[in-house]
């Protein structure tokens, strides 16, 4: 099935660790490409670069900011993006007052990435994981390893993000939306708005998880995605 590549796209200050559990399973049957969104400071450029790097048709699977990149890929190349899986994401443009709050995080990151991680990571987790030292350590290591320069580029991209609501009705490929029931950053109603806008979308809400659903509830996330892909494969792989 190498004629369709599964592109796994992480979010803000994240890397391939976010989707590793899914990658390990899908790699048995599909070509996998770990998307790097650390090099550009615009969502449109992140999407365009991934489309250039992957020559085949694509199933784009994105977490958080990576979901925004995935939607933009489908907008730029509707004939190539055969399906979207969007986890813990959003579709809106910059909100009033957001720039000031984001800049405070940028300043903190340049002072000490570990302090940024200590402030940023816990609210991203659901209550059942807030005392899970293993996942906190994994997320902290990931954030710190990425560094302040990438963080600043990605914040710039988020502040200039496109309003995907304008083009979601034009995205006709199958769309799977996932979020954690305890995700306060990208809550369920936000995903329902996306599902209402996209013509062929369905939403699954997974309990006992916050914003880092793919790492908090890896098994349930992988099962939900793989079962959906199997059920919709004829639509995704249409000649």
C-alpha atoms as a PDB file:
ATOM      1  CA  UNK A   1       0.000   0.000   0.000  1.00  0.00           C
ATOM      2  CA  UNK A   2       2.924   2.314  -0.702  1.00  0.00           C
ATOM      3  CA  UNK A   3       0.887   4.462  -3.102  1.00  0.00           C
ATOM      4  CA  UNK A   4      -0.576   6.287  -0.088  1.00  0.00           C
ATOM      5  CA  UNK A   5       1.732   7.619   2.608  1.00  0.00           C
ATOM      6  CA  UNK A   6       0.598   8.175   6.182  1.00  0.00           C
ATOM      7  CA  UNK A   7       2.019  11.546   7.238  1.00  0.00           C
ATOM      8  CA  UNK A   8       2.186  11.916  11.023  1.00  0.00           C
ATOM      9  CA  UNK A   9       2.313  15.544  12.133  1.00  0.00           C
ATOM     10  CA  UNK A  10       3.084  16.618  15.719  1.00  0.00           C
ATOM     11  CA  UNK A  11       2.052  19.888  17.308  1.00  0.00           C
ATOM     12  CA  UNK A  12       3.675  22.732  19.206  1.00  0.00           C
ATOM     13  CA  UNK A  13       7.089  21.830  20.723  1.00  0.00           C
ATOM     14  CA  UNK A  14       6.419  18.194  19.867  1.00  0.00           C
ATOM     15  CA  UNK A  15       8.056  15.544  17.716  1.00  0.00           C
ATOM     16  CA  UNK A  16       7.550  11.983  16.470  1.00  0.00           C
ATOM     17  CA  UNK A  17       7.091  10.724  20.026  1.00  0.00           C
ATOM     18  CA  UNK A  18       3.490  11.954  19.970  1.00  0.00           C
ATOM     19  CA  UNK A  19       2.487   9.496  17.238  1.00  0.00           C
ATOM     20  CA  UNK A  20       4.993   6.690  17.930  1.00  0.00           C
ATOM     21  CA  UNK A  21       2.356   4.245  19.167  1.00  0.00           C
ATOM     22  CA  UNK A  22       0.308   4.716  16.011  1.00  0.00           C
ATOM     23  CA  UNK A  23       3.372   4.654  13.751  1.00  0.00           C
ATOM     24  CA  UNK A  24       4.481   1.298  15.152  1.00  0.00           C
ATOM     25  CA  UNK A  25       1.118  -0.248  14.240  1.00  0.00           C
ATOM     26  CA  UNK A  26       0.506   1.412  10.873  1.00  0.00           C
ATOM     27  CA  UNK A  27       4.051   0.717   9.646  1.00  0.00           C
ATOM     28  CA  UNK A  28       3.122  -2.956   9.321  1.00  0.00           C
ATOM     29  CA  UNK A  29       0.869  -2.130   6.349  1.00  0.00           C
ATOM     30  CA  UNK A  30       1.560   1.437   5.232  1.00  0.00           C
ATOM     31  CA  UNK A  31       4.380   3.773   4.278  1.00  0.00           C
ATOM     32  CA  UNK A  32       4.930   6.196   7.183  1.00  0.00           C
ATOM     33  CA  UNK A  33       6.421   9.690   7.069  1.00  0.00           C
ATOM     34  CA  UNK A  34       7.168  11.625  10.254  1.00  0.00           C
ATOM     35  CA  UNK A  35       6.346  15.228   9.430  1.00  0.00           C
ATOM     36  CA  UNK A  36       8.799  17.873  10.617  1.00  0.00           C
ATOM     37  CA  UNK A  37       7.043  21.158  11.416  1.00  0.00           C
ATOM     38  CA  UNK A  38       9.995  22.762  13.192  1.00  0.00           C
ATOM     39  CA  UNK A  39      11.481  24.656  10.244  1.00  0.00           C
ATOM     40  CA  UNK A  40       8.802  27.149   9.157  1.00  0.00           C
ATOM     41  CA  UNK A  41       6.993  30.045  10.793  1.00  0.00           C
ATOM     42  CA  UNK A  42       3.738  29.809   8.844  1.00  0.00           C
ATOM     43  CA  UNK A  43       1.160  27.028   8.832  1.00  0.00           C
ATOM     44  CA  UNK A  44       0.856  27.387   5.061  1.00  0.00           C
ATOM     45  CA  UNK A  45       4.602  26.861   4.631  1.00  0.00           C
ATOM     46  CA  UNK A  46       4.638  23.840   6.948  1.00  0.00           C
ATOM     47  CA  UNK A  47       1.873  22.282   4.863  1.00  0.00           C
ATOM     48  CA  UNK A  48       3.512  23.147   1.569  1.00  0.00           C
ATOM     49  CA  UNK A  49       6.849  21.701   2.643  1.00  0.00           C
ATOM     50  CA  UNK A  50       5.305  18.375   3.673  1.00  0.00           C
ATOM     51  CA  UNK A  51       3.421  18.158   0.391  1.00  0.00           C
ATOM     52  CA  UNK A  52       6.713  18.694  -1.453  1.00  0.00           C
ATOM     53  CA  UNK A  53       8.603  16.155   0.645  1.00  0.00           C
ATOM     54  CA  UNK A  54       6.025  13.387   0.181  1.00  0.00           C
ATOM     55  CA  UNK A  55       5.540  12.498  -3.462  1.00  0.00           C
ATOM     56  CA  UNK A  56       2.561  10.167  -3.139  1.00  0.00           C
ATOM     57  CA  UNK A  57      -1.036  10.677  -2.105  1.00  0.00           C
ATOM     58  CA  UNK A  58      -1.445  11.227   1.607  1.00  0.00           C
ATOM     59  CA  UNK A  59      -3.447  10.457   4.709  1.00  0.00           C
ATOM     60  CA  UNK A  60      -2.526  13.368   6.986  1.00  0.00           C
ATOM     61  CA  UNK A  61      -2.736  12.680  10.718  1.00  0.00           C
ATOM     62  CA  UNK A  62      -2.130  15.713  12.908  1.00  0.00           C
ATOM     63  CA  UNK A  63      -2.125  16.496  16.626  1.00  0.00           C
ATOM     64  CA  UNK A  64      -2.936  19.998  17.890  1.00  0.00           C
ATOM     65  CA  UNK A  65      -1.049  22.465  15.658  1.00  0.00           C
ATOM     66  CA  UNK A  66      -0.300  19.471  13.439  1.00  0.00           C
ATOM     67  CA  UNK A  67      -4.023  19.146  12.832  1.00  0.00           C
ATOM     68  CA  UNK A  68      -4.073  22.700  11.513  1.00  0.00           C
ATOM     69  CA  UNK A  69      -1.194  21.790   9.203  1.00  0.00           C
ATOM     70  CA  UNK A  70      -3.099  18.712   8.029  1.00  0.00           C
ATOM     71  CA  UNK A  71      -6.193  20.778   7.213  1.00  0.00           C
ATOM     72  CA  UNK A  72      -4.052  23.250   5.295  1.00  0.00           C
ATOM     73  CA  UNK A  73      -2.496  20.370   3.325  1.00  0.00           C
ATOM     74  CA  UNK A  74      -5.973  19.245   2.279  1.00  0.00           C
ATOM     75  CA  UNK A  75      -6.787  22.828   1.316  1.00  0.00           C
ATOM     76  CA  UNK A  76      -3.629  23.196  -0.791  1.00  0.00           C
ATOM     77  CA  UNK A  77      -3.761  19.749  -2.417  1.00  0.00           C
ATOM     78  CA  UNK A  78      -7.309  18.351  -2.273  1.00  0.00           C
ATOM     79  CA  UNK A  79      -6.545  15.815  -4.990  1.00  0.00           C
ATOM     80  CA  UNK A  80      -3.651  14.293  -3.053  1.00  0.00           C
ATOM     81  CA  UNK A  81      -4.862  14.330   0.546  1.00  0.00           C
ATOM     82  CA  UNK A  82      -7.166  11.317   0.705  1.00  0.00           C
ATOM     83  CA  UNK A  83      -8.147  11.548   4.382  1.00  0.00           C
ATOM     84  CA  UNK A  84      -7.551  13.557   7.538  1.00  0.00           C
ATOM     85  CA  UNK A  85      -7.230  12.446  11.143  1.00  0.00           C
ATOM     86  CA  UNK A  86      -7.332  15.478  13.429  1.00  0.00           C
ATOM     87  CA  UNK A  87      -6.590  15.060  17.128  1.00  0.00           C
ATOM     88  CA  UNK A  88      -6.984  17.752  19.797  1.00  0.00           C
ATOM     89  CA  UNK A  89      -6.947  20.563  17.275  1.00  0.00           C
ATOM     90  CA  UNK A  90      -8.715  23.766  16.284  1.00  0.00           C
ATOM     91  CA  UNK A  91      -9.824  25.680  13.216  1.00  0.00           C
ATOM     92  CA  UNK A  92     -10.161  29.272  14.364  1.00  0.00           C
ATOM     93  CA  UNK A  93      -7.963  32.284  13.679  1.00  0.00           C
ATOM     94  CA  UNK A  94      -6.055  34.212  16.356  1.00  0.00           C
ATOM     95  CA  UNK A  95      -8.184  35.252  19.324  1.00  0.00           C
ATOM     96  CA  UNK A  96      -8.177  38.710  20.972  1.00  0.00           C
ATOM     97  CA  UNK A  97      -5.403  38.952  23.548  1.00  0.00           C
ATOM     98  CA  UNK A  98      -3.739  35.741  22.401  1.00  0.00           C
ATOM     99  CA  UNK A  99      -0.581  37.447  21.150  1.00  0.00           C
ATOM    100  CA  UNK A 100       0.290  38.864  24.591  1.00  0.00           C
ATOM    101  CA  UNK A 101      -0.167  35.486  26.289  1.00  0.00           C
ATOM    102  CA  UNK A 102       1.879  33.695  23.646  1.00  0.00           C
ATOM    103  CA  UNK A 103       4.694  36.238  23.886  1.00  0.00           C
ATOM    104  CA  UNK A 104       5.001  35.597  27.611  1.00  0.00           C
ATOM    105  CA  UNK A 105       5.599  31.920  26.808  1.00  0.00           C
ATOM    106  CA  UNK A 106       8.175  32.842  24.161  1.00  0.00           C
ATOM    107  CA  UNK A 107      10.037  35.017  26.657  1.00  0.00           C
ATOM    108  CA  UNK A 108       9.968  32.265  29.277  1.00  0.00           C
ATOM    109  CA  UNK A 109      11.242  29.705  26.768  1.00  0.00           C
ATOM    110  CA  UNK A 110      14.249  31.857  25.934  1.00  0.00           C
ATOM    111  CA  UNK A 111      15.000  32.144  29.639  1.00  0.00           C
ATOM    112  CA  UNK A 112      14.592  28.455  30.499  1.00  0.00           C
ATOM    113  CA  UNK A 113      12.869  25.740  28.455  1.00  0.00           C
ATOM    114  CA  UNK A 114      12.558  23.552  31.545  1.00  0.00           C
ATOM    115  CA  UNK A 115      10.532  26.270  33.256  1.00  0.00           C
ATOM    116  CA  UNK A 116       8.324  26.560  30.185  1.00  0.00           C
ATOM    117  CA  UNK A 117       7.745  22.803  30.244  1.00  0.00           C
ATOM    118  CA  UNK A 118       6.975  22.838  33.980  1.00  0.00           C
ATOM    119  CA  UNK A 119       4.360  25.542  33.412  1.00  0.00           C
ATOM    120  CA  UNK A 120       2.954  24.257  30.112  1.00  0.00           C
ATOM    121  CA  UNK A 121       2.821  20.464  30.413  1.00  0.00           C
ATOM    122  CA  UNK A 122       0.544  19.792  33.439  1.00  0.00           C
ATOM    123  CA  UNK A 123      -2.513  21.719  32.132  1.00  0.00           C
ATOM    124  CA  UNK A 124      -2.243  19.748  28.886  1.00  0.00           C
ATOM    125  CA  UNK A 125      -2.982  16.477  30.697  1.00  0.00           C
ATOM    126  CA  UNK A 126      -6.267  15.036  31.879  1.00  0.00           C
ATOM    127  CA  UNK A 127      -6.861  14.712  35.640  1.00  0.00           C
ATOM    128  CA  UNK A 128      -6.066  10.989  35.579  1.00  0.00           C
ATOM    129  CA  UNK A 129      -2.567  11.735  34.254  1.00  0.00           C
ATOM    130  CA  UNK A 130      -1.686  14.849  36.211  1.00  0.00           C
ATOM    131  CA  UNK A 131       0.390  12.818  38.707  1.00  0.00           C
ATOM    132  CA  UNK A 132       1.792  10.380  36.139  1.00  0.00           C
ATOM    133  CA  UNK A 133       5.489  11.127  36.453  1.00  0.00           C
ATOM    134  CA  UNK A 134       6.425   8.954  33.469  1.00  0.00           C
ATOM    135  CA  UNK A 135       4.336  10.870  30.925  1.00  0.00           C
ATOM    136  CA  UNK A 136       5.283  14.202  32.510  1.00  0.00           C
ATOM    137  CA  UNK A 137       8.959  13.255  32.172  1.00  0.00           C
ATOM    138  CA  UNK A 138       8.472  12.200  28.527  1.00  0.00           C
ATOM    139  CA  UNK A 139       6.664  15.422  27.624  1.00  0.00           C
ATOM    140  CA  UNK A 140       9.152  17.574  29.517  1.00  0.00           C
ATOM    141  CA  UNK A 141      12.096  15.942  27.745  1.00  0.00           C
ATOM    142  CA  UNK A 142      10.371  16.447  24.391  1.00  0.00           C
ATOM    143  CA  UNK A 143       9.648  20.131  25.007  1.00  0.00           C
ATOM    144  CA  UNK A 144      13.127  20.906  26.340  1.00  0.00           C
ATOM    145  CA  UNK A 145      14.870  19.043  23.501  1.00  0.00           C
ATOM    146  CA  UNK A 146      13.084  21.104  20.844  1.00  0.00           C
ATOM    147  CA  UNK A 147      14.340  24.407  22.196  1.00  0.00           C
ATOM    148  CA  UNK A 148      13.302  28.071  22.259  1.00  0.00           C
ATOM    149  CA  UNK A 149      14.003  28.937  18.615  1.00  0.00           C
ATOM    150  CA  UNK A 150      11.621  26.296  17.258  1.00  0.00           C
ATOM    151  CA  UNK A 151       9.065  27.240  19.914  1.00  0.00           C
ATOM    152  CA  UNK A 152       9.190  30.870  18.814  1.00  0.00           C
ATOM    153  CA  UNK A 153       8.819  29.949  15.127  1.00  0.00           C
ATOM    154  CA  UNK A 154       5.828  27.778  15.876  1.00  0.00           C
ATOM    155  CA  UNK A 155       4.201  30.440  18.053  1.00  0.00           C
ATOM    156  CA  UNK A 156       4.620  32.897  15.186  1.00  0.00           C
ATOM    157  CA  UNK A 157       2.917  30.389  12.894  1.00  0.00           C
ATOM    158  CA  UNK A 158       0.025  29.920  15.305  1.00  0.00           C
ATOM    159  CA  UNK A 159      -0.503  33.654  15.687  1.00  0.00           C
ATOM    160  CA  UNK A 160      -0.742  34.003  11.891  1.00  0.00           C
ATOM    161  CA  UNK A 161      -2.757  30.811  11.415  1.00  0.00           C
ATOM    162  CA  UNK A 162      -5.439  30.695   8.734  1.00  0.00           C
ATOM    163  CA  UNK A 163      -9.094  30.488   9.655  1.00  0.00           C
ATOM    164  CA  UNK A 164      -9.793  26.959   8.459  1.00  0.00           C
ATOM    165  CA  UNK A 165     -13.542  27.480   8.847  1.00  0.00           C
ATOM    166  CA  UNK A 166     -13.397  29.319   5.528  1.00  0.00           C
ATOM    167  CA  UNK A 167     -12.355  26.206   3.607  1.00  0.00           C
ATOM    168  CA  UNK A 168     -13.459  23.234   5.726  1.00  0.00           C
ATOM    169  CA  UNK A 169     -16.728  22.918   3.734  1.00  0.00           C
ATOM    170  CA  UNK A 170     -14.576  22.349   0.637  1.00  0.00           C
ATOM    171  CA  UNK A 171     -12.650  19.439   2.184  1.00  0.00           C
ATOM    172  CA  UNK A 172     -14.616  16.451   0.921  1.00  0.00           C
ATOM    173  CA  UNK A 173     -12.281  13.615   1.926  1.00  0.00           C
ATOM    174  CA  UNK A 174     -13.107  11.462   4.978  1.00  0.00           C
ATOM    175  CA  UNK A 175     -12.221  13.214   8.242  1.00  0.00           C
ATOM    176  CA  UNK A 176     -11.827  11.610  11.662  1.00  0.00           C
ATOM    177  CA  UNK A 177     -11.790  13.947  14.660  1.00  0.00           C
ATOM    178  CA  UNK A 178     -10.488  12.850  18.056  1.00  0.00           C
ATOM    179  CA  UNK A 179     -10.251  14.633  21.361  1.00  0.00           C
ATOM    180  CA  UNK A 180      -9.904  13.830  25.026  1.00  0.00           C
ATOM    181  CA  UNK A 181     -12.980  14.285  27.181  1.00  0.00           C
ATOM    182  CA  UNK A 182     -10.864  16.331  29.597  1.00  0.00           C
ATOM    183  CA  UNK A 183      -9.053  18.434  26.977  1.00  0.00           C
ATOM    184  CA  UNK A 184      -9.572  22.004  28.197  1.00  0.00           C
ATOM    185  CA  UNK A 185      -7.221  23.448  25.557  1.00  0.00           C
ATOM    186  CA  UNK A 186      -9.028  22.027  22.504  1.00  0.00           C
ATOM    187  CA  UNK A 187     -12.384  20.947  23.937  1.00  0.00           C
ATOM    188  CA  UNK A 188     -15.083  18.771  22.436  1.00  0.00           C
ATOM    189  CA  UNK A 189     -17.345  21.650  21.238  1.00  0.00           C
ATOM    190  CA  UNK A 190     -14.484  22.975  19.105  1.00  0.00           C
ATOM    191  CA  UNK A 191     -14.226  19.610  17.373  1.00  0.00           C
ATOM    192  CA  UNK A 192     -17.986  19.463  16.874  1.00  0.00           C
ATOM    193  CA  UNK A 193     -17.742  22.770  15.025  1.00  0.00           C
ATOM    194  CA  UNK A 194     -15.139  21.257  12.695  1.00  0.00           C
ATOM    195  CA  UNK A 195     -17.269  18.141  12.232  1.00  0.00           C
ATOM    196  CA  UNK A 196     -20.261  20.301  11.319  1.00  0.00           C
ATOM    197  CA  UNK A 197     -18.236  22.220   8.723  1.00  0.00           C
ATOM    198  CA  UNK A 198     -16.501  19.289   7.000  1.00  0.00           C
ATOM    199  CA  UNK A 199     -18.889  17.331   4.731  1.00  0.00           C
ATOM    200  CA  UNK A 200     -17.625  13.831   5.641  1.00  0.00           C
ATOM    201  CA  UNK A 201     -16.494  13.989   9.260  1.00  0.00           C
ATOM    202  CA  UNK A 202     -17.066  11.998  12.411  1.00  0.00           C
ATOM    203  CA  UNK A 203     -15.986  12.738  15.970  1.00  0.00           C
ATOM    204  CA  UNK A 204     -14.816  10.373  18.696  1.00  0.00           C
ATOM    205  CA  UNK A 205     -14.319  11.599  22.267  1.00  0.00           C
ATOM    206  CA  UNK A 206     -12.040   9.422  24.391  1.00  0.00           C
ATOM    207  CA  UNK A 207     -12.426   9.493  28.157  1.00  0.00           C
ATOM    208  CA  UNK A 208      -9.664   9.918  30.728  1.00  0.00           C
ATOM    209  CA  UNK A 209      -7.508  12.046  28.457  1.00  0.00           C
ATOM    210  CA  UNK A 210      -6.607  15.680  27.997  1.00  0.00           C
ATOM    211  CA  UNK A 211      -4.791  17.493  25.201  1.00  0.00           C
ATOM    212  CA  UNK A 212      -2.066  14.877  24.674  1.00  0.00           C
ATOM    213  CA  UNK A 213      -4.582  12.146  23.876  1.00  0.00           C
ATOM    214  CA  UNK A 214      -2.219  10.122  21.602  1.00  0.00           C
ATOM    215  CA  UNK A 215       0.210   9.737  24.531  1.00  0.00           C
ATOM    216  CA  UNK A 216      -2.288   9.633  27.400  1.00  0.00           C
ATOM    217  CA  UNK A 217      -4.526   6.961  25.867  1.00  0.00           C
ATOM    218  CA  UNK A 218      -2.318   5.429  23.199  1.00  0.00           C
ATOM    219  CA  UNK A 219      -4.117   2.091  22.887  1.00  0.00           C
ATOM    220  CA  UNK A 220      -7.586   3.615  22.544  1.00  0.00           C
ATOM    221  CA  UNK A 221      -6.301   6.239  20.119  1.00  0.00           C
ATOM    222  CA  UNK A 222      -4.600   3.647  17.916  1.00  0.00           C
ATOM    223  CA  UNK A 223      -7.651   1.374  17.962  1.00  0.00           C
ATOM    224  CA  UNK A 224     -10.000   4.212  17.025  1.00  0.00           C
ATOM    225  CA  UNK A 225      -7.835   5.386  14.135  1.00  0.00           C
ATOM    226  CA  UNK A 226      -7.006   1.960  12.715  1.00  0.00           C
ATOM    227  CA  UNK A 227     -10.609   0.765  12.851  1.00  0.00           C
ATOM    228  CA  UNK A 228     -11.801   3.940  11.130  1.00  0.00           C
ATOM    229  CA  UNK A 229      -9.144   3.593   8.428  1.00  0.00           C
ATOM    230  CA  UNK A 230     -10.117  -0.023   7.803  1.00  0.00           C
ATOM    231  CA  UNK A 231     -13.798   0.895   7.596  1.00  0.00           C
ATOM    232  CA  UNK A 232     -13.200   3.848   5.269  1.00  0.00           C
ATOM    233  CA  UNK A 233     -10.298   2.424   3.246  1.00  0.00           C
ATOM    234  CA  UNK A 234     -12.287   1.932   0.053  1.00  0.00           C
ATOM    235  CA  UNK A 235     -13.218   5.628   0.142  1.00  0.00           C
ATOM    236  CA  UNK A 236      -9.655   6.666   0.983  1.00  0.00           C
ATOM    237  CA  UNK A 237      -8.011   4.433  -1.615  1.00  0.00           C
ATOM    238  CA  UNK A 238     -10.452   5.162  -4.438  1.00  0.00           C
ATOM    239  CA  UNK A 239      -8.738   5.119  -7.845  1.00  0.00           C
END
